[in-house]
N, C-alpha and C. Protein backbone atom coordinates (compact mmCIF):
# COMPACT_ATOMS: atom_id res chain seq x y z
N UNK A 1 3.63 136.35 146.95
CA UNK A 1 3.33 135.22 146.10
C UNK A 1 3.77 133.92 146.76
N UNK A 2 4.98 133.88 147.31
CA UNK A 2 5.47 132.67 147.94
C UNK A 2 4.62 132.35 149.17
N UNK A 3 4.17 133.38 149.90
CA UNK A 3 3.31 133.14 151.05
C UNK A 3 2.02 132.46 150.62
N UNK A 4 1.44 132.91 149.50
CA UNK A 4 0.20 132.32 149.00
C UNK A 4 0.40 130.85 148.63
N UNK A 5 1.53 130.52 148.00
CA UNK A 5 1.82 129.13 147.63
C UNK A 5 1.91 128.26 148.88
N UNK A 6 2.61 128.75 149.89
CA UNK A 6 2.73 127.98 151.14
C UNK A 6 1.38 127.84 151.83
N UNK A 7 0.56 128.89 151.80
CA UNK A 7 -0.77 128.82 152.42
C UNK A 7 -1.62 127.79 151.70
N UNK A 8 -1.61 127.81 150.37
CA UNK A 8 -2.39 126.84 149.60
C UNK A 8 -1.89 125.42 149.88
N UNK A 9 -0.57 125.28 149.96
CA UNK A 9 0.01 123.97 150.25
C UNK A 9 -0.39 123.48 151.63
N UNK A 10 -0.40 124.39 152.60
CA UNK A 10 -0.79 124.01 153.96
C UNK A 10 -2.26 123.61 154.01
N UNK A 11 -3.10 124.35 153.28
CA UNK A 11 -4.53 124.01 153.24
C UNK A 11 -4.72 122.65 152.58
N UNK A 12 -4.03 122.41 151.47
CA UNK A 12 -4.13 121.12 150.78
C UNK A 12 -3.63 119.99 151.67
N UNK A 13 -2.50 120.18 152.33
CA UNK A 13 -1.95 119.17 153.22
C UNK A 13 -2.90 118.91 154.38
N UNK A 14 -3.51 119.96 154.90
CA UNK A 14 -4.48 119.81 155.98
C UNK A 14 -5.69 119.02 155.53
N UNK A 15 -6.18 119.28 154.33
CA UNK A 15 -7.33 118.55 153.79
C UNK A 15 -7.00 117.07 153.60
N UNK A 16 -5.80 116.79 153.13
CA UNK A 16 -5.37 115.40 152.96
C UNK A 16 -5.31 114.71 154.32
N UNK A 17 -4.77 115.38 155.32
CA UNK A 17 -4.66 114.80 156.65
C UNK A 17 -6.05 114.49 157.22
N UNK A 18 -7.00 115.40 157.00
CA UNK A 18 -8.37 115.17 157.48
C UNK A 18 -8.98 113.98 156.75
N UNK A 19 -8.78 113.87 155.45
CA UNK A 19 -9.32 112.76 154.68
C UNK A 19 -8.74 111.44 155.13
N UNK A 20 -7.44 111.38 155.32
CA UNK A 20 -6.80 110.14 155.76
C UNK A 20 -7.28 109.76 157.15
N UNK A 21 -7.37 110.73 158.04
CA UNK A 21 -7.84 110.46 159.39
C UNK A 21 -9.28 109.97 159.37
N UNK A 22 -10.11 110.55 158.54
CA UNK A 22 -11.51 110.13 158.45
C UNK A 22 -11.63 108.71 157.92
N UNK A 23 -10.84 108.38 156.94
CA UNK A 23 -10.90 107.03 156.36
C UNK A 23 -10.36 105.97 157.29
N UNK A 24 -9.55 106.35 158.24
CA UNK A 24 -8.97 105.37 159.17
C UNK A 24 -10.05 104.70 160.00
N UNK A 25 -11.20 105.36 160.18
CA UNK A 25 -12.26 104.79 160.98
C UNK A 25 -13.27 103.98 160.19
N UNK A 26 -13.09 103.81 158.90
CA UNK A 26 -14.03 103.08 158.07
C UNK A 26 -13.98 101.60 158.44
N UNK A 27 -15.15 100.97 158.59
CA UNK A 27 -15.22 99.56 158.96
C UNK A 27 -14.65 98.68 157.86
N UNK A 28 -13.92 97.67 158.28
CA UNK A 28 -13.38 96.69 157.34
C UNK A 28 -13.24 95.37 158.05
N UNK A 29 -13.30 94.29 157.30
CA UNK A 29 -13.12 92.97 157.90
C UNK A 29 -11.67 92.80 158.28
N UNK A 30 -11.44 92.30 159.47
CA UNK A 30 -10.07 92.03 159.92
C UNK A 30 -9.65 90.70 159.33
N UNK A 31 -8.85 90.76 158.29
CA UNK A 31 -8.44 89.55 157.59
C UNK A 31 -7.41 88.74 158.37
N UNK A 32 -6.86 89.30 159.44
CA UNK A 32 -5.84 88.62 160.21
C UNK A 32 -6.40 87.61 161.21
N UNK A 33 -7.71 87.62 161.45
CA UNK A 33 -8.32 86.72 162.42
C UNK A 33 -9.15 85.70 161.65
N UNK A 34 -8.84 84.41 161.81
CA UNK A 34 -9.59 83.39 161.07
C UNK A 34 -11.02 83.24 161.58
N UNK A 35 -11.91 82.80 160.71
CA UNK A 35 -13.29 82.53 161.09
C UNK A 35 -13.30 81.37 162.08
N UNK A 36 -14.28 81.36 162.95
CA UNK A 36 -14.46 80.27 163.91
C UNK A 36 -15.50 79.32 163.32
N UNK A 37 -15.12 78.04 163.20
CA UNK A 37 -15.96 77.06 162.51
C UNK A 37 -16.15 75.80 163.36
N UNK A 38 -17.20 75.03 163.04
CA UNK A 38 -17.43 73.77 163.76
C UNK A 38 -16.20 72.87 163.73
N UNK A 39 -15.97 72.19 164.85
CA UNK A 39 -14.86 71.26 164.97
C UNK A 39 -13.58 71.89 165.49
N UNK A 40 -13.53 73.21 165.57
CA UNK A 40 -12.33 73.88 166.05
C UNK A 40 -12.26 73.87 167.57
N UNK A 41 -11.07 74.13 168.07
CA UNK A 41 -10.82 74.27 169.51
C UNK A 41 -9.96 75.50 169.72
N UNK A 42 -10.04 76.06 170.90
CA UNK A 42 -9.14 77.15 171.23
C UNK A 42 -9.82 78.39 171.77
N UNK A 43 -9.01 79.45 171.85
CA UNK A 43 -9.47 80.70 172.46
C UNK A 43 -10.60 81.37 171.68
N UNK A 44 -10.56 81.29 170.35
CA UNK A 44 -11.64 81.87 169.56
C UNK A 44 -12.97 81.23 169.87
N UNK A 45 -12.97 79.91 170.00
CA UNK A 45 -14.20 79.18 170.35
C UNK A 45 -14.66 79.58 171.75
N UNK A 46 -13.71 79.70 172.69
CA UNK A 46 -14.07 80.11 174.06
C UNK A 46 -14.73 81.49 174.07
N UNK A 47 -14.21 82.42 173.28
CA UNK A 47 -14.81 83.76 173.21
C UNK A 47 -16.21 83.71 172.61
N UNK A 48 -16.38 82.89 171.57
CA UNK A 48 -17.71 82.74 170.98
C UNK A 48 -18.67 82.16 172.02
N UNK A 49 -18.24 81.11 172.72
CA UNK A 49 -19.08 80.49 173.74
C UNK A 49 -19.41 81.48 174.85
N UNK A 50 -18.43 82.28 175.27
CA UNK A 50 -18.70 83.27 176.33
C UNK A 50 -19.68 84.32 175.83
N UNK A 51 -19.54 84.75 174.59
CA UNK A 51 -20.50 85.70 174.03
C UNK A 51 -21.90 85.13 173.99
N UNK A 52 -22.00 83.86 173.62
CA UNK A 52 -23.31 83.20 173.60
C UNK A 52 -23.88 83.08 175.02
N UNK A 53 -23.02 82.77 175.98
CA UNK A 53 -23.48 82.72 177.39
C UNK A 53 -23.97 84.10 177.82
N UNK A 54 -23.23 85.13 177.46
CA UNK A 54 -23.64 86.50 177.81
C UNK A 54 -24.97 86.85 177.15
N UNK A 55 -25.24 86.24 176.00
CA UNK A 55 -26.49 86.49 175.28
C UNK A 55 -27.64 85.65 175.81
N UNK A 56 -27.36 84.79 176.81
CA UNK A 56 -28.44 84.03 177.44
C UNK A 56 -28.49 82.56 177.09
N UNK A 57 -27.53 82.07 176.31
CA UNK A 57 -27.50 80.66 175.95
C UNK A 57 -26.77 79.87 177.05
N UNK A 58 -27.35 78.75 177.43
CA UNK A 58 -26.80 77.93 178.50
C UNK A 58 -25.85 76.89 177.91
N UNK A 59 -24.64 77.33 177.59
CA UNK A 59 -23.63 76.40 177.06
C UNK A 59 -22.36 76.51 177.89
N UNK A 60 -21.59 75.45 177.85
CA UNK A 60 -20.32 75.41 178.58
C UNK A 60 -19.24 76.14 177.78
N UNK A 61 -18.40 76.88 178.47
CA UNK A 61 -17.26 77.54 177.84
C UNK A 61 -16.06 76.60 178.03
N UNK A 62 -15.86 75.74 177.04
CA UNK A 62 -14.78 74.75 177.13
C UNK A 62 -13.78 74.85 175.98
N UNK A 63 -14.00 75.78 175.06
CA UNK A 63 -13.07 75.96 173.94
C UNK A 63 -13.18 74.91 172.85
N UNK A 64 -14.22 74.07 172.89
CA UNK A 64 -14.42 73.03 171.88
C UNK A 64 -15.73 73.30 171.15
N UNK A 65 -15.63 73.49 169.84
CA UNK A 65 -16.82 73.80 169.04
C UNK A 65 -17.52 72.50 168.67
N UNK A 66 -18.49 72.14 169.51
CA UNK A 66 -19.27 70.91 169.28
C UNK A 66 -20.71 71.22 168.95
N UNK A 67 -21.57 70.22 169.14
CA UNK A 67 -22.98 70.33 168.79
C UNK A 67 -23.72 71.42 169.57
N UNK A 68 -23.43 71.55 170.87
CA UNK A 68 -24.11 72.57 171.68
C UNK A 68 -23.76 73.98 171.20
N UNK A 69 -22.49 74.19 170.89
CA UNK A 69 -22.07 75.50 170.38
C UNK A 69 -22.72 75.78 169.04
N UNK A 70 -22.74 74.78 168.17
CA UNK A 70 -23.36 74.94 166.85
C UNK A 70 -24.83 75.30 166.98
N UNK A 71 -25.56 74.57 167.83
CA UNK A 71 -26.99 74.83 168.00
C UNK A 71 -27.24 76.24 168.54
N UNK A 72 -26.46 76.64 169.55
CA UNK A 72 -26.64 77.97 170.12
C UNK A 72 -26.27 79.06 169.11
N UNK A 73 -25.17 78.85 168.40
CA UNK A 73 -24.71 79.87 167.45
C UNK A 73 -25.67 80.03 166.28
N UNK A 74 -26.16 78.93 165.72
CA UNK A 74 -27.09 79.06 164.59
C UNK A 74 -28.40 79.70 165.04
N UNK A 75 -28.84 79.42 166.27
CA UNK A 75 -30.03 80.08 166.80
C UNK A 75 -29.77 81.57 166.98
N UNK A 76 -28.61 81.91 167.54
CA UNK A 76 -28.21 83.31 167.71
C UNK A 76 -28.20 84.02 166.36
N UNK A 77 -27.58 83.41 165.36
CA UNK A 77 -27.50 84.01 164.03
C UNK A 77 -28.90 84.19 163.43
N UNK A 78 -29.72 83.17 163.51
CA UNK A 78 -31.08 83.22 162.95
C UNK A 78 -31.89 84.35 163.59
N UNK A 79 -31.80 84.46 164.93
CA UNK A 79 -32.58 85.47 165.65
C UNK A 79 -32.12 86.90 165.37
N UNK A 80 -30.95 87.06 164.79
CA UNK A 80 -30.44 88.40 164.48
C UNK A 80 -30.39 88.68 162.98
N UNK A 81 -31.00 87.82 162.20
CA UNK A 81 -31.08 88.03 160.76
C UNK A 81 -29.76 87.80 160.04
N UNK A 82 -28.87 87.04 160.67
CA UNK A 82 -27.59 86.70 160.05
C UNK A 82 -27.71 85.35 159.35
N UNK A 83 -26.77 85.05 158.51
CA UNK A 83 -26.73 83.74 157.86
C UNK A 83 -26.48 82.69 158.94
N UNK A 84 -27.45 81.81 159.17
CA UNK A 84 -27.36 80.80 160.23
C UNK A 84 -26.56 79.60 159.74
N UNK A 85 -25.26 79.81 159.55
CA UNK A 85 -24.40 78.76 159.02
C UNK A 85 -23.46 78.17 160.06
N UNK A 86 -23.50 78.69 161.29
CA UNK A 86 -22.65 78.17 162.34
C UNK A 86 -21.20 78.60 162.24
N UNK A 87 -20.92 79.55 161.37
CA UNK A 87 -19.56 80.06 161.19
C UNK A 87 -19.52 81.49 161.70
N UNK A 88 -18.50 81.80 162.50
CA UNK A 88 -18.34 83.16 163.01
C UNK A 88 -17.41 83.92 162.09
N UNK A 89 -18.03 84.75 161.24
CA UNK A 89 -17.30 85.69 160.40
C UNK A 89 -17.46 87.06 161.02
N UNK A 90 -17.08 88.11 160.29
CA UNK A 90 -17.13 89.47 160.86
C UNK A 90 -18.51 89.93 161.32
N UNK A 91 -19.58 89.58 160.61
CA UNK A 91 -20.91 90.05 161.02
C UNK A 91 -21.36 89.38 162.31
N UNK A 92 -21.17 88.07 162.40
CA UNK A 92 -21.52 87.37 163.64
C UNK A 92 -20.58 87.79 164.75
N UNK A 93 -19.30 87.96 164.42
CA UNK A 93 -18.33 88.42 165.41
C UNK A 93 -18.71 89.77 165.97
N UNK A 94 -19.15 90.68 165.12
CA UNK A 94 -19.61 91.99 165.58
C UNK A 94 -20.80 91.86 166.53
N UNK A 95 -21.78 91.02 166.14
CA UNK A 95 -22.97 90.85 166.97
C UNK A 95 -22.59 90.31 168.35
N UNK A 96 -21.68 89.35 168.39
CA UNK A 96 -21.25 88.79 169.67
C UNK A 96 -20.39 89.79 170.46
N UNK A 97 -19.41 90.38 169.78
CA UNK A 97 -18.47 91.25 170.49
C UNK A 97 -19.14 92.55 170.96
N UNK A 98 -19.72 93.30 170.02
CA UNK A 98 -20.27 94.60 170.38
C UNK A 98 -21.58 94.48 171.16
N UNK A 99 -22.30 93.39 170.96
CA UNK A 99 -23.57 93.22 171.67
C UNK A 99 -23.44 92.59 173.04
N UNK A 100 -22.44 91.70 173.23
CA UNK A 100 -22.41 90.92 174.47
C UNK A 100 -21.05 90.82 175.15
N UNK A 101 -19.96 90.78 174.43
CA UNK A 101 -18.65 90.66 175.06
C UNK A 101 -18.14 92.00 175.58
N UNK A 102 -18.15 93.01 174.71
CA UNK A 102 -17.64 94.33 175.11
C UNK A 102 -18.45 94.94 176.25
N UNK A 103 -19.79 94.89 176.20
CA UNK A 103 -20.57 95.49 177.29
C UNK A 103 -20.44 94.75 178.63
N UNK A 104 -19.83 93.58 178.64
CA UNK A 104 -19.74 92.79 179.87
C UNK A 104 -18.90 93.47 180.94
N UNK A 105 -17.97 94.32 180.51
CA UNK A 105 -17.07 94.95 181.46
C UNK A 105 -15.88 94.08 181.84
N UNK A 106 -15.84 92.85 181.34
CA UNK A 106 -14.74 91.92 181.62
C UNK A 106 -13.57 92.26 180.69
N UNK A 107 -12.44 92.62 181.25
CA UNK A 107 -11.30 93.06 180.43
C UNK A 107 -10.82 91.98 179.47
N UNK A 108 -10.86 90.72 179.86
CA UNK A 108 -10.45 89.65 178.95
C UNK A 108 -11.37 89.64 177.73
N UNK A 109 -12.66 89.75 177.96
CA UNK A 109 -13.61 89.75 176.85
C UNK A 109 -13.46 91.00 175.98
N UNK A 110 -13.18 92.12 176.61
CA UNK A 110 -13.08 93.38 175.88
C UNK A 110 -11.77 93.46 175.08
N UNK A 111 -10.67 93.08 175.69
CA UNK A 111 -9.35 93.24 175.06
C UNK A 111 -8.89 92.03 174.25
N UNK A 112 -9.15 90.84 174.73
CA UNK A 112 -8.59 89.64 174.10
C UNK A 112 -9.48 89.09 172.98
N UNK A 113 -10.78 89.03 173.23
CA UNK A 113 -11.67 88.36 172.27
C UNK A 113 -11.61 88.93 170.84
N UNK A 114 -11.52 90.26 170.65
CA UNK A 114 -11.46 90.72 169.26
C UNK A 114 -10.16 90.35 168.55
N UNK A 115 -9.20 89.80 169.28
CA UNK A 115 -7.96 89.34 168.63
C UNK A 115 -8.07 87.90 168.18
N UNK A 116 -9.14 87.19 168.60
CA UNK A 116 -9.27 85.77 168.24
C UNK A 116 -10.59 85.45 167.55
N UNK A 117 -11.51 86.41 167.46
CA UNK A 117 -12.71 86.23 166.64
C UNK A 117 -12.77 87.38 165.64
N UNK A 118 -13.25 87.11 164.44
CA UNK A 118 -13.30 88.18 163.43
C UNK A 118 -14.37 89.21 163.75
N UNK A 119 -14.01 90.47 163.65
CA UNK A 119 -14.93 91.58 163.81
C UNK A 119 -14.57 92.63 162.76
N UNK A 120 -15.39 93.65 162.68
CA UNK A 120 -15.03 94.78 161.82
C UNK A 120 -14.65 95.92 162.74
N UNK A 121 -13.75 96.75 162.31
CA UNK A 121 -13.31 97.89 163.12
C UNK A 121 -13.62 99.17 162.42
């Protein structure tokens, strides 16, 4: 009888572990990374600009979100069916990161950029 209780407990514990492990991979917005918006400066803007360059847009990577970045980003968003608002939230961040930054093979783009632009994991 005690063996059966322990077996049932082990099966239940195993099922819980599988469920928790499975849920760990569910996509969610990374709330710790702020959206990238017009007028901002910094590493997040540089990553967005580099992603846009990788996507074929001829813009300078200077870390300053100005008119050229806005025009390229809204065109990028429009062409991918995203809200063309010029703001990099998780959906635009995913399109830039998974579509153009990560495949680049550049370790800075692969490792650093998802820490400064919002993506889903």
